[in-house]
Amino acid sequence: MRKNKLSVLPALLLAAGALLAGCGNKPAAGGAGAVDADTLSATAVRFDADSALAFVKRQCDFGPRVPDSEAHRLCGDYIAAKFRSYGLVVTEQNTTVTGWDGKRLGCRNIIAAYRPELADRVIVCAHWDSRPWADADPDSANHRTPVMAANDGASGVAVMLELARLMRELKPAVGVDFICFDMEDYGAPYWAEQTDEGNDWCLGSQYWSAHPHKEGYKARFGILLDMVGGAGARFCYEGFSLQYARDVVGKIWAAAATAGKSEFFPSEDGTYAQDDHKPMNEVAGIPTVDIIPFHGYGERSFGPTWHTVSDTPENISTATLEAVGQTVLQVLSEEK
């Protein structure tokens, strides 16, 4: 995805950020509609970051999961099988989409449902594909090398797999749909003709948002996990999340406080990310928040390994995985 929209529309984003801050749009004390964290108890169910790290490594063992590759096919089979092994009902969406370069590419969205019989549902989602080009790598010789995508892809799926493993212990009162979106990171590299629309990114979530896996599908809200394993990550308020799902932002940040993870979830503004949550909000009409790191404005705003050949398991932090996983567990435990 064109994740860092600041580099594309700097004046608009700076103005929008100032407007949000000036209007008091930051979710204060956990956010509008959120329950006071002091009145809630932290769940006793503990997220196992070592288990999640093992899931990151296993995905990377297949190699870069670029569209229509053998690694992509095998990893998709692995993800679906792991969800099934935890008792979830797996549905797959298989379609063909057109990339920025005109290529017709297979797209495989994987949906795993905990308690599919329940009408009240929450979505936890991430993308599982790898970017075919490390076009942000400091060494230009690597720019046409596929990204291993340990953080930018595998970390979000790994957190979801560990959450799925814990569902029988957590026993949330709502159904949970874990959605692995494909074709998120096939957006045009810098050497291709660029567009201002950004529609060449997030192709799997665009398809799902227009064609949900179940007719008439509804969910209370969604949580998107993107790059949730990087060392030194801080998850600030993302702009589109505030625009479309401010109450859910408050819910998540309050849960982070209850879980003792506020150092990872500061009450600060980040940037805008053209990510899978955008079509979920705008097309599917499901208020969805992007949990995505913010390392400050500039070329490395999403972290030093973003779209580089250094996005490998060696650069994944169990502390970051644990902070995000425990926070999402807390959110799910509070749904009634």
C-alpha atoms as a PDB file:
ATOM      1  CA  MET A   1       0.000   0.000   0.000  1.00  0.00           C
ATOM      2  CA  ARG A   2       1.048   3.577  -0.277  1.00  0.00           C
ATOM      3  CA  LYS A   3       1.285   3.561   3.479  1.00  0.00           C
ATOM      4  CA  ASN A   4       2.982   6.880   4.033  1.00  0.00           C
ATOM      5  CA  LYS A   5       0.567   9.336   2.504  1.00  0.00           C
ATOM      6  CA  LEU A   6       2.582  12.180   4.027  1.00  0.00           C
ATOM      7  CA  SER A   7       5.161  11.734   1.283  1.00  0.00           C
ATOM      8  CA  VAL A   8       2.407  12.075  -1.337  1.00  0.00           C
ATOM      9  CA  LEU A   9       0.237  14.854   0.035  1.00  0.00           C
ATOM     10  CA  PRO A  10       2.306  16.670   2.672  1.00  0.00           C
ATOM     11  CA  ALA A  11       0.401  19.928   2.757  1.00  0.00           C
ATOM     12  CA  LEU A  12      -2.986  18.232   2.991  1.00  0.00           C
ATOM     13  CA  LEU A  13      -1.865  15.887   5.757  1.00  0.00           C
ATOM     14  CA  LEU A  14      -0.200  18.558   7.842  1.00  0.00           C
ATOM     15  CA  ALA A  15      -3.333  20.662   7.576  1.00  0.00           C
ATOM     16  CA  ALA A  16      -5.547  17.691   8.409  1.00  0.00           C
ATOM     17  CA  GLY A  17      -3.363  16.775  11.393  1.00  0.00           C
ATOM     18  CA  ALA A  18      -3.531  20.318  12.693  1.00  0.00           C
ATOM     19  CA  LEU A  19      -7.301  20.337  12.257  1.00  0.00           C
ATOM     20  CA  LEU A  20      -7.686  17.078  14.179  1.00  0.00           C
ATOM     21  CA  ALA A  21      -5.573  18.367  17.034  1.00  0.00           C
ATOM     22  CA  GLY A  22      -7.262  21.769  17.004  1.00  0.00           C
ATOM     23  CA  CYS A  23     -10.720  20.225  17.138  1.00  0.00           C
ATOM     24  CA  GLY A  24      -9.814  18.074  20.102  1.00  0.00           C
ATOM     25  CA  ASN A  25     -10.241  14.926  18.046  1.00  0.00           C
ATOM     26  CA  LYS A  26      -7.796  12.871  20.105  1.00  0.00           C
ATOM     27  CA  PRO A  27      -9.665  10.241  22.117  1.00  0.00           C
ATOM     28  CA  ALA A  28      -9.233  11.572  25.625  1.00  0.00           C
ATOM     29  CA  ALA A  29      -9.193   9.248  28.632  1.00  0.00           C
ATOM     30  CA  GLY A  30      -9.547   6.222  26.407  1.00  0.00           C
ATOM     31  CA  GLY A  31     -11.724   7.862  23.786  1.00  0.00           C
ATOM     32  CA  ALA A  32     -15.344   8.767  23.286  1.00  0.00           C
ATOM     33  CA  GLY A  33     -17.632   5.890  24.157  1.00  0.00           C
ATOM     34  CA  ALA A  34     -14.866   3.918  25.853  1.00  0.00           C
ATOM     35  CA  VAL A  35     -15.285   2.514  29.336  1.00  0.00           C
ATOM     36  CA  ASP A  36     -12.961   3.970  31.963  1.00  0.00           C
ATOM     37  CA  ALA A  37      -9.964   1.640  32.139  1.00  0.00           C
ATOM     38  CA  ASP A  38      -9.985   1.911  35.955  1.00  0.00           C
ATOM     39  CA  THR A  39     -13.360   0.117  36.085  1.00  0.00           C
ATOM     40  CA  LEU A  40     -12.171  -2.884  34.063  1.00  0.00           C
ATOM     41  CA  SER A  41     -10.147  -5.925  35.019  1.00  0.00           C
ATOM     42  CA  ALA A  42      -7.296  -7.196  32.903  1.00  0.00           C
ATOM     43  CA  THR A  43      -7.981 -10.591  31.391  1.00  0.00           C
ATOM     44  CA  ALA A  44      -6.107 -13.465  32.968  1.00  0.00           C
ATOM     45  CA  VAL A  45      -5.479 -15.008  29.548  1.00  0.00           C
ATOM     46  CA  ARG A  46      -1.901 -14.287  28.535  1.00  0.00           C
ATOM     47  CA  PHE A  47      -0.628 -13.781  25.013  1.00  0.00           C
ATOM     48  CA  ASP A  48       2.434 -15.939  24.255  1.00  0.00           C
ATOM     49  CA  ALA A  49       4.843 -13.812  22.222  1.00  0.00           C
ATOM     50  CA  ASP A  50       7.283 -16.697  21.734  1.00  0.00           C
ATOM     51  CA  SER A  51       4.507 -18.676  20.081  1.00  0.00           C
ATOM     52  CA  ALA A  52       3.687 -15.693  17.866  1.00  0.00           C
ATOM     53  CA  LEU A  53       7.351 -15.323  16.915  1.00  0.00           C
ATOM     54  CA  ALA A  54       7.403 -18.982  15.894  1.00  0.00           C
ATOM     55  CA  PHE A  55       4.432 -18.253  13.607  1.00  0.00           C
ATOM     56  CA  VAL A  56       6.363 -15.347  12.056  1.00  0.00           C
ATOM     57  CA  LYS A  57       9.357 -17.580  11.391  1.00  0.00           C
ATOM     58  CA  ARG A  58       7.217 -20.368   9.960  1.00  0.00           C
ATOM     59  CA  GLN A  59       5.653 -18.037   7.399  1.00  0.00           C
ATOM     60  CA  CYS A  60       9.063 -16.728   6.413  1.00  0.00           C
ATOM     61  CA  ASP A  61      10.367 -20.277   6.029  1.00  0.00           C
ATOM     62  CA  PHE A  62       8.309 -20.469   2.831  1.00  0.00           C
ATOM     63  CA  GLY A  63      10.161 -17.449   1.435  1.00  0.00           C
ATOM     64  CA  PRO A  64       8.641 -14.172   0.220  1.00  0.00           C
ATOM     65  CA  ARG A  65       4.894 -14.726  -0.267  1.00  0.00           C
ATOM     66  CA  VAL A  66       4.574 -12.762  -3.495  1.00  0.00           C
ATOM     67  CA  PRO A  67       1.449 -13.283  -5.638  1.00  0.00           C
ATOM     68  CA  ASP A  68       1.209 -16.452  -7.730  1.00  0.00           C
ATOM     69  CA  SER A  69       4.412 -17.922  -6.295  1.00  0.00           C
ATOM     70  CA  GLU A  70       4.869 -21.388  -4.804  1.00  0.00           C
ATOM     71  CA  ALA A  71       5.783 -19.805  -1.466  1.00  0.00           C
ATOM     72  CA  HIS A  72       2.516 -17.866  -1.558  1.00  0.00           C
ATOM     73  CA  ARG A  73       0.471 -21.000  -2.235  1.00  0.00           C
ATOM     74  CA  LEU A  74       2.173 -23.106   0.421  1.00  0.00           C
ATOM     75  CA  CYS A  75       1.987 -20.411   3.085  1.00  0.00           C
ATOM     76  CA  GLY A  76      -1.702 -19.847   2.386  1.00  0.00           C
ATOM     77  CA  ASP A  77      -2.301 -23.562   2.868  1.00  0.00           C
ATOM     78  CA  TYR A  78      -0.352 -23.437   6.145  1.00  0.00           C
ATOM     79  CA  ILE A  79      -2.324 -20.457   7.491  1.00  0.00           C
ATOM     80  CA  ALA A  80      -5.683 -22.034   6.672  1.00  0.00           C
ATOM     81  CA  ALA A  81      -4.635 -25.344   8.238  1.00  0.00           C
ATOM     82  CA  LYS A  82      -3.426 -23.681  11.450  1.00  0.00           C
ATOM     83  CA  PHE A  83      -6.730 -21.856  11.922  1.00  0.00           C
ATOM     84  CA  ARG A  84      -8.600 -25.118  11.350  1.00  0.00           C
ATOM     85  CA  SER A  85      -6.396 -26.875  13.897  1.00  0.00           C
ATOM     86  CA  TYR A  86      -7.685 -24.449  16.539  1.00  0.00           C
ATOM     87  CA  GLY A  87     -11.292 -25.312  15.752  1.00  0.00           C
ATOM     88  CA  LEU A  88     -12.135 -22.302  13.600  1.00  0.00           C
ATOM     89  CA  VAL A  89     -14.255 -22.532  10.465  1.00  0.00           C
ATOM     90  CA  VAL A  90     -12.221 -21.430   7.451  1.00  0.00           C
ATOM     91  CA  THR A  91     -13.692 -19.829   4.328  1.00  0.00           C
ATOM     92  CA  GLU A  92     -11.584 -18.776   1.366  1.00  0.00           C
ATOM     93  CA  GLN A  93     -12.228 -16.165  -1.277  1.00  0.00           C
ATOM     94  CA  ASN A  94     -10.379 -16.913  -4.496  1.00  0.00           C
ATOM     95  CA  THR A  95     -10.587 -14.363  -7.264  1.00  0.00           C
ATOM     96  CA  THR A  96      -8.459 -12.676  -9.916  1.00  0.00           C
ATOM     97  CA  VAL A  97      -7.430  -9.032  -9.696  1.00  0.00           C
ATOM     98  CA  THR A  98      -5.524  -6.700 -11.981  1.00  0.00           C
ATOM     99  CA  GLY A  99      -2.269  -5.201 -10.716  1.00  0.00           C
ATOM    100  CA  TRP A 100      -0.906  -1.750 -11.479  1.00  0.00           C
ATOM    101  CA  ASP A 101       1.148  -3.338 -14.284  1.00  0.00           C
ATOM    102  CA  GLY A 102      -1.877  -4.919 -15.963  1.00  0.00           C
ATOM    103  CA  LYS A 103      -1.048  -8.416 -14.757  1.00  0.00           C
ATOM    104  CA  ARG A 104      -3.950 -10.672 -13.838  1.00  0.00           C
ATOM    105  CA  LEU A 105      -3.069 -12.194 -10.493  1.00  0.00           C
ATOM    106  CA  GLY A 106      -4.674 -14.709  -8.184  1.00  0.00           C
ATOM    107  CA  CYS A 107      -6.008 -13.246  -4.953  1.00  0.00           C
ATOM    108  CA  ARG A 108      -6.736 -15.465  -1.931  1.00  0.00           C
ATOM    109  CA  ASN A 109      -8.442 -14.011   1.134  1.00  0.00           C
ATOM    110  CA  ILE A 110      -8.541 -16.427   4.088  1.00  0.00           C
ATOM    111  CA  ILE A 111     -11.304 -15.987   6.698  1.00  0.00           C
ATOM    112  CA  ALA A 112     -11.322 -18.002   9.939  1.00  0.00           C
ATOM    113  CA  ALA A 113     -14.442 -17.766  12.105  1.00  0.00           C
ATOM    114  CA  TYR A 114     -14.637 -18.378  15.842  1.00  0.00           C
ATOM    115  CA  ARG A 115     -18.234 -19.270  16.747  1.00  0.00           C
ATOM    116  CA  PRO A 116     -19.677 -18.524  13.293  1.00  0.00           C
ATOM    117  CA  GLU A 117     -23.217 -19.060  14.623  1.00  0.00           C
ATOM    118  CA  LEU A 118     -23.151 -15.792  16.607  1.00  0.00           C
ATOM    119  CA  ALA A 119     -24.639 -12.704  14.971  1.00  0.00           C
ATOM    120  CA  ASP A 120     -22.547 -10.205  16.964  1.00  0.00           C
ATOM    121  CA  ARG A 121     -19.039 -10.270  15.497  1.00  0.00           C
ATOM    122  CA  VAL A 122     -15.682  -8.502  15.660  1.00  0.00           C
ATOM    123  CA  ILE A 123     -13.035  -8.585  12.932  1.00  0.00           C
ATOM    124  CA  VAL A 124      -9.295  -8.916  13.501  1.00  0.00           C
ATOM    125  CA  CYS A 125      -7.394  -8.709  10.218  1.00  0.00           C
ATOM    126  CA  ALA A 126      -3.988  -8.371   8.572  1.00  0.00           C
ATOM    127  CA  HIS A 127      -2.440  -8.920   5.161  1.00  0.00           C
ATOM    128  CA  TRP A 128      -0.425 -12.050   4.478  1.00  0.00           C
ATOM    129  CA  ASP A 129       1.292 -11.322   1.160  1.00  0.00           C
ATOM    130  CA  SER A 130       4.830  -9.994   0.674  1.00  0.00           C
ATOM    131  CA  ARG A 131       5.859  -6.977  -1.359  1.00  0.00           C
ATOM    132  CA  PRO A 132       7.604  -8.121  -4.551  1.00  0.00           C
ATOM    133  CA  TRP A 133      10.053  -5.204  -4.470  1.00  0.00           C
ATOM    134  CA  ALA A 134      12.238  -3.845  -1.646  1.00  0.00           C
ATOM    135  CA  ASP A 135      11.894  -0.417  -3.215  1.00  0.00           C
ATOM    136  CA  ALA A 136      12.584   1.499   0.010  1.00  0.00           C
ATOM    137  CA  ASP A 137      15.845  -0.320   0.754  1.00  0.00           C
ATOM    138  CA  PRO A 138      18.843   1.965   1.390  1.00  0.00           C
ATOM    139  CA  ASP A 139      20.763  -0.017  -1.246  1.00  0.00           C
ATOM    140  CA  SER A 140      19.253   0.530  -4.686  1.00  0.00           C
ATOM    141  CA  ALA A 141      20.697  -2.813  -5.812  1.00  0.00           C
ATOM    142  CA  ASN A 142      18.008  -4.465  -3.661  1.00  0.00           C
ATOM    143  CA  HIS A 143      15.046  -2.534  -5.018  1.00  0.00           C
ATOM    144  CA  ARG A 144      13.800  -5.320  -7.293  1.00  0.00           C
ATOM    145  CA  THR A 145      14.323  -8.018  -4.657  1.00  0.00           C
ATOM    146  CA  PRO A 146      11.201  -9.440  -2.942  1.00  0.00           C
ATOM    147  CA  VAL A 147      10.669  -8.537   0.714  1.00  0.00           C
ATOM    148  CA  MET A 148      10.670 -11.368   3.259  1.00  0.00           C
ATOM    149  CA  ALA A 149       7.941  -9.428   5.099  1.00  0.00           C
ATOM    150  CA  ALA A 150       8.479 -10.712   8.628  1.00  0.00           C
ATOM    151  CA  ASN A 151       6.986  -7.519  10.056  1.00  0.00           C
ATOM    152  CA  ASP A 152       5.048  -6.132   7.096  1.00  0.00           C
ATOM    153  CA  GLY A 153       2.676  -9.029   6.795  1.00  0.00           C
ATOM    154  CA  ALA A 154       3.771 -12.049   8.827  1.00  0.00           C
ATOM    155  CA  SER A 155       3.645 -10.308  12.223  1.00  0.00           C
ATOM    156  CA  GLY A 156      -0.047  -9.462  11.939  1.00  0.00           C
ATOM    157  CA  VAL A 157      -0.933 -12.984  10.821  1.00  0.00           C
ATOM    158  CA  ALA A 158       1.198 -14.419  13.630  1.00  0.00           C
ATOM    159  CA  VAL A 159      -0.656 -12.384  16.245  1.00  0.00           C
ATOM    160  CA  MET A 160      -3.971 -13.577  14.784  1.00  0.00           C
ATOM    161  CA  LEU A 161      -2.872 -17.221  14.861  1.00  0.00           C
ATOM    162  CA  GLU A 162      -1.869 -16.920  18.511  1.00  0.00           C
ATOM    163  CA  LEU A 163      -5.172 -15.172  19.303  1.00  0.00           C
ATOM    164  CA  ALA A 164      -7.025 -17.982  17.536  1.00  0.00           C
ATOM    165  CA  ARG A 165      -5.143 -20.539  19.647  1.00  0.00           C
ATOM    166  CA  LEU A 166      -6.365 -18.724  22.780  1.00  0.00           C
ATOM    167  CA  MET A 167     -10.039 -18.377  21.830  1.00  0.00           C
ATOM    168  CA  ARG A 168     -11.128 -21.507  23.705  1.00  0.00           C
ATOM    169  CA  GLU A 169      -9.481 -20.135  26.846  1.00  0.00           C
ATOM    170  CA  LEU A 170     -10.655 -16.539  26.429  1.00  0.00           C
ATOM    171  CA  LYS A 171     -14.227 -17.491  25.453  1.00  0.00           C
ATOM    172  CA  PRO A 172     -15.278 -14.047  24.211  1.00  0.00           C
ATOM    173  CA  ALA A 173     -19.000 -13.315  24.200  1.00  0.00           C
ATOM    174  CA  VAL A 174     -18.932 -12.394  20.499  1.00  0.00           C
ATOM    175  CA  GLY A 175     -17.954 -14.186  17.344  1.00  0.00           C
ATOM    176  CA  VAL A 176     -14.526 -13.294  15.967  1.00  0.00           C
ATOM    177  CA  ASP A 177     -13.537 -13.347  12.310  1.00  0.00           C
ATOM    178  CA  PHE A 178      -9.826 -13.435  11.568  1.00  0.00           C
ATOM    179  CA  ILE A 179      -9.328 -12.189   8.017  1.00  0.00           C
ATOM    180  CA  CYS A 180      -6.047 -12.580   6.140  1.00  0.00           C
ATOM    181  CA  PHE A 181      -6.139 -10.199   3.191  1.00  0.00           C
ATOM    182  CA  ASP A 182      -4.123 -10.953   0.084  1.00  0.00           C
ATOM    183  CA  MET A 183      -2.629  -8.559  -2.496  1.00  0.00           C
ATOM    184  CA  GLU A 184      -2.179  -5.676  -0.074  1.00  0.00           C
ATOM    185  CA  ASP A 185       1.394  -4.884  -1.024  1.00  0.00           C
ATOM    186  CA  TYR A 186       1.358  -5.065  -4.834  1.00  0.00           C
ATOM    187  CA  GLY A 187       1.114  -1.297  -5.293  1.00  0.00           C
ATOM    188  CA  ALA A 188       3.222   0.378  -7.945  1.00  0.00           C
ATOM    189  CA  PRO A 189       6.924   0.807  -7.124  1.00  0.00           C
ATOM    190  CA  TYR A 190       8.562   4.177  -7.574  1.00  0.00           C
ATOM    191  CA  TRP A 191       9.791   3.361 -11.099  1.00  0.00           C
ATOM    192  CA  ALA A 192       6.237   2.777 -12.366  1.00  0.00           C
ATOM    193  CA  GLU A 193       3.715   5.397 -13.349  1.00  0.00           C
ATOM    194  CA  GLN A 194       2.188   6.704 -10.139  1.00  0.00           C
ATOM    195  CA  THR A 195      -1.409   7.636  -9.445  1.00  0.00           C
ATOM    196  CA  ASP A 196      -2.865   9.831  -6.739  1.00  0.00           C
ATOM    197  CA  GLU A 197      -5.694   7.421  -6.011  1.00  0.00           C
ATOM    198  CA  GLY A 198      -3.711   4.619  -4.381  1.00  0.00           C
ATOM    199  CA  ASN A 199      -6.191   2.049  -5.687  1.00  0.00           C
ATOM    200  CA  ASP A 200      -3.380  -0.252  -6.848  1.00  0.00           C
ATOM    201  CA  TRP A 201      -2.800  -1.176  -3.180  1.00  0.00           C
ATOM    202  CA  CYS A 202      -4.985  -3.272  -0.844  1.00  0.00           C
ATOM    203  CA  LEU A 203      -6.587  -5.262  -3.666  1.00  0.00           C
ATOM    204  CA  GLY A 204      -7.692  -8.146  -1.434  1.00  0.00           C
ATOM    205  CA  SER A 205      -9.450  -5.943   1.103  1.00  0.00           C
ATOM    206  CA  GLN A 206     -11.012  -3.895  -1.688  1.00  0.00           C
ATOM    207  CA  TYR A 207     -12.495  -7.092  -3.087  1.00  0.00           C
ATOM    208  CA  TRP A 208     -13.691  -8.377   0.304  1.00  0.00           C
ATOM    209  CA  SER A 209     -15.220  -5.021   1.240  1.00  0.00           C
ATOM    210  CA  ALA A 210     -17.311  -5.043  -1.935  1.00  0.00           C
ATOM    211  CA  HIS A 211     -17.990  -8.804  -1.770  1.00  0.00           C
ATOM    212  CA  PRO A 212     -17.987 -10.044   1.859  1.00  0.00           C
ATOM    213  CA  HIS A 213     -17.603 -13.775   2.395  1.00  0.00           C
ATOM    214  CA  LYS A 214     -21.193 -13.931   3.659  1.00  0.00           C
ATOM    215  CA  GLU A 215     -24.167 -12.131   2.156  1.00  0.00           C
ATOM    216  CA  GLY A 216     -25.310  -9.296   4.402  1.00  0.00           C
ATOM    217  CA  TYR A 217     -22.254  -9.661   6.616  1.00  0.00           C
ATOM    218  CA  LYS A 218     -22.034  -7.229   9.549  1.00  0.00           C
ATOM    219  CA  ALA A 219     -19.537  -6.703  12.350  1.00  0.00           C
ATOM    220  CA  ARG A 220     -19.433  -4.371  15.339  1.00  0.00           C
ATOM    221  CA  PHE A 221     -15.962  -3.151  14.397  1.00  0.00           C
ATOM    222  CA  GLY A 222     -12.632  -4.249  12.994  1.00  0.00           C
ATOM    223  CA  ILE A 223      -9.006  -4.133  14.143  1.00  0.00           C
ATOM    224  CA  LEU A 224      -6.326  -4.142  11.450  1.00  0.00           C
ATOM    225  CA  LEU A 225      -2.848  -5.305  12.481  1.00  0.00           C
ATOM    226  CA  ASP A 226      -0.069  -4.020  10.237  1.00  0.00           C
ATOM    227  CA  MET A 227       3.636  -4.218  11.107  1.00  0.00           C
ATOM    228  CA  VAL A 228       2.984  -5.134  14.732  1.00  0.00           C
ATOM    229  CA  GLY A 229       6.319  -6.791  15.503  1.00  0.00           C
ATOM    230  CA  GLY A 230       9.004  -4.179  14.933  1.00  0.00           C
ATOM    231  CA  ALA A 231      11.523  -3.259  17.633  1.00  0.00           C
ATOM    232  CA  GLY A 232      10.865   0.155  19.148  1.00  0.00           C
ATOM    233  CA  ALA A 233       7.369   0.399  17.648  1.00  0.00           C
ATOM    234  CA  ARG A 234       4.893   2.930  19.036  1.00  0.00           C
ATOM    235  CA  PHE A 235       1.290   2.791  17.874  1.00  0.00           C
ATOM    236  CA  CYS A 236      -0.130   6.298  17.623  1.00  0.00           C
ATOM    237  CA  TYR A 237      -3.591   7.383  16.455  1.00  0.00           C
ATOM    238  CA  GLU A 238      -3.827   6.787  12.695  1.00  0.00           C
ATOM    239  CA  GLY A 239      -5.705   9.496  10.800  1.00  0.00           C
ATOM    240  CA  PHE A 240      -8.336   7.478   8.905  1.00  0.00           C
ATOM    241  CA  SER A 241      -9.026   5.449  12.059  1.00  0.00           C
ATOM    242  CA  LEU A 242      -9.897   8.659  13.899  1.00  0.00           C
ATOM    243  CA  GLN A 243     -11.990   9.838  10.961  1.00  0.00           C
ATOM    244  CA  TYR A 244     -14.108   6.699  10.653  1.00  0.00           C
ATOM    245  CA  ALA A 245     -13.820   4.807  13.946  1.00  0.00           C
ATOM    246  CA  ARG A 246     -12.913   7.201  16.728  1.00  0.00           C
ATOM    247  CA  ASP A 247     -14.880   5.306  19.374  1.00  0.00           C
ATOM    248  CA  VAL A 248     -13.064   2.108  18.461  1.00  0.00           C
ATOM    249  CA  VAL A 249      -9.719   3.920  18.748  1.00  0.00           C
ATOM    250  CA  GLY A 250     -10.762   4.877  22.279  1.00  0.00           C
ATOM    251  CA  LYS A 251     -11.769   1.305  23.051  1.00  0.00           C
ATOM    252  CA  ILE A 252      -8.391  -0.059  21.918  1.00  0.00           C
ATOM    253  CA  TRP A 253      -6.239   2.525  23.673  1.00  0.00           C
ATOM    254  CA  ALA A 254      -8.231   2.061  26.897  1.00  0.00           C
ATOM    255  CA  ALA A 255      -7.702  -1.697  26.611  1.00  0.00           C
ATOM    256  CA  ALA A 256      -3.971  -1.098  26.176  1.00  0.00           C
ATOM    257  CA  ALA A 257      -3.974   0.884  29.419  1.00  0.00           C
ATOM    258  CA  THR A 258      -5.852  -1.881  31.234  1.00  0.00           C
ATOM    259  CA  ALA A 259      -3.364  -4.414  29.884  1.00  0.00           C
ATOM    260  CA  GLY A 260      -0.433  -2.274  31.047  1.00  0.00           C
ATOM    261  CA  LYS A 261       0.729  -1.512  27.499  1.00  0.00           C
ATOM    262  CA  SER A 262       0.296   2.271  27.315  1.00  0.00           C
ATOM    263  CA  GLU A 263       3.995   2.766  26.576  1.00  0.00           C
ATOM    264  CA  PHE A 264       3.353   1.061  23.221  1.00  0.00           C
ATOM    265  CA  PHE A 265       0.057   2.933  22.650  1.00  0.00           C
ATOM    266  CA  PRO A 266       0.752   6.597  23.462  1.00  0.00           C
ATOM    267  CA  SER A 267      -2.099   9.081  23.206  1.00  0.00           C
ATOM    268  CA  GLU A 268      -0.502  10.866  20.283  1.00  0.00           C
ATOM    269  CA  ASP A 269      -1.317  11.535  16.634  1.00  0.00           C
ATOM    270  CA  GLY A 270       0.480   9.534  13.976  1.00  0.00           C
ATOM    271  CA  THR A 271       0.040   9.793  10.217  1.00  0.00           C
ATOM    272  CA  TYR A 272      -2.498   8.609   7.637  1.00  0.00           C
ATOM    273  CA  ALA A 273      -2.031   5.124   6.154  1.00  0.00           C
ATOM    274  CA  GLN A 274      -3.560   3.950   2.874  1.00  0.00           C
ATOM    275  CA  ASP A 275      -4.214   0.522   4.324  1.00  0.00           C
ATOM    276  CA  ASP A 276      -6.736  -2.321   4.335  1.00  0.00           C
ATOM    277  CA  HIS A 277      -8.945  -0.520   6.851  1.00  0.00           C
ATOM    278  CA  LYS A 278      -9.789   2.190   4.332  1.00  0.00           C
ATOM    279  CA  PRO A 279     -12.060   0.073   2.065  1.00  0.00           C
ATOM    280  CA  MET A 280     -13.420  -1.657   5.179  1.00  0.00           C
ATOM    281  CA  ASN A 281     -14.567   1.717   6.458  1.00  0.00           C
ATOM    282  CA  GLU A 282     -15.571   3.335   3.172  1.00  0.00           C
ATOM    283  CA  VAL A 283     -17.008   0.383   1.224  1.00  0.00           C
ATOM    284  CA  ALA A 284     -18.032  -2.254   3.781  1.00  0.00           C
ATOM    285  CA  GLY A 285     -19.150   0.375   6.307  1.00  0.00           C
ATOM    286  CA  ILE A 286     -17.438  -1.407   9.211  1.00  0.00           C
ATOM    287  CA  PRO A 287     -15.656   0.985  11.615  1.00  0.00           C
ATOM    288  CA  THR A 288     -12.093  -0.314  11.560  1.00  0.00           C
ATOM    289  CA  VAL A 289      -8.926   0.897  13.272  1.00  0.00           C
ATOM    290  CA  ASP A 290      -5.409   0.454  11.943  1.00  0.00           C
ATOM    291  CA  ILE A 291      -2.859  -0.531  14.599  1.00  0.00           C
ATOM    292  CA  ILE A 292       0.260   0.545  12.718  1.00  0.00           C
ATOM    293  CA  PRO A 293       3.578   1.924  14.007  1.00  0.00           C
ATOM    294  CA  PHE A 294       4.630   5.525  13.680  1.00  0.00           C
ATOM    295  CA  HIS A 295       8.336   6.339  13.913  1.00  0.00           C
ATOM    296  CA  GLY A 296       8.022  10.033  13.013  1.00  0.00           C
ATOM    297  CA  TYR A 297       7.590  11.851   9.721  1.00  0.00           C
ATOM    298  CA  GLY A 298       9.968  11.038   6.904  1.00  0.00           C
ATOM    299  CA  GLU A 299      11.148   8.143   4.762  1.00  0.00           C
ATOM    300  CA  ARG A 300      11.203   5.713   7.708  1.00  0.00           C
ATOM    301  CA  SER A 301       7.934   6.696   9.367  1.00  0.00           C
ATOM    302  CA  PHE A 302       6.832   3.031   9.461  1.00  0.00           C
ATOM    303  CA  GLY A 303      10.139   1.760  10.807  1.00  0.00           C
ATOM    304  CA  PRO A 304      13.634   1.021   9.492  1.00  0.00           C
ATOM    305  CA  THR A 305      12.792  -2.322   7.842  1.00  0.00           C
ATOM    306  CA  TRP A 306       9.708  -1.162   5.905  1.00  0.00           C
ATOM    307  CA  HIS A 307       9.920  -2.364   2.272  1.00  0.00           C
ATOM    308  CA  THR A 308      13.568  -3.382   2.681  1.00  0.00           C
ATOM    309  CA  VAL A 309      15.444  -6.681   2.567  1.00  0.00           C
ATOM    310  CA  SER A 310      15.994  -6.256   6.339  1.00  0.00           C
ATOM    311  CA  ASP A 311      12.360  -7.126   7.091  1.00  0.00           C
ATOM    312  CA  THR A 312      13.361 -10.528   8.469  1.00  0.00           C
ATOM    313  CA  PRO A 313      12.539 -12.491  11.649  1.00  0.00           C
ATOM    314  CA  GLU A 314      15.803 -11.370  13.293  1.00  0.00           C
ATOM    315  CA  ASN A 315      14.330  -7.869  13.500  1.00  0.00           C
ATOM    316  CA  ILE A 316      11.072  -8.901  15.173  1.00  0.00           C
ATOM    317  CA  SER A 317      10.539  -7.960  18.827  1.00  0.00           C
ATOM    318  CA  THR A 318       8.628 -10.296  21.138  1.00  0.00           C
ATOM    319  CA  ALA A 319       7.902  -7.294  23.387  1.00  0.00           C
ATOM    320  CA  THR A 320       6.041  -5.572  20.547  1.00  0.00           C
ATOM    321  CA  LEU A 321       4.168  -8.731  19.559  1.00  0.00           C
ATOM    322  CA  GLU A 322       3.142  -9.246  23.191  1.00  0.00           C
ATOM    323  CA  ALA A 323       1.969  -5.650  23.647  1.00  0.00           C
ATOM    324  CA  VAL A 324      -0.289  -5.786  20.594  1.00  0.00           C
ATOM    325  CA  GLY A 325      -1.545  -9.313  21.217  1.00  0.00           C
ATOM    326  CA  GLN A 326      -2.368  -8.677  24.867  1.00  0.00           C
ATOM    327  CA  THR A 327      -4.153  -5.456  23.977  1.00  0.00           C
ATOM    328  CA  VAL A 328      -6.347  -7.188  21.380  1.00  0.00           C
ATOM    329  CA  LEU A 329      -7.076 -10.000  23.866  1.00  0.00           C
ATOM    330  CA  GLN A 330      -8.198  -7.327  26.310  1.00  0.00           C
ATOM    331  CA  VAL A 331     -10.469  -5.706  23.711  1.00  0.00           C
ATOM    332  CA  LEU A 332     -12.118  -9.030  22.890  1.00  0.00           C
ATOM    333  CA  SER A 333     -12.551  -9.921  26.568  1.00  0.00           C
ATOM    334  CA  GLU A 334     -14.480  -6.707  27.172  1.00  0.00           C
ATOM    335  CA  GLU A 335     -17.071  -7.239  24.425  1.00  0.00           C
ATOM    336  CA  LYS A 336     -20.444  -8.279  25.852  1.00  0.00           C
END
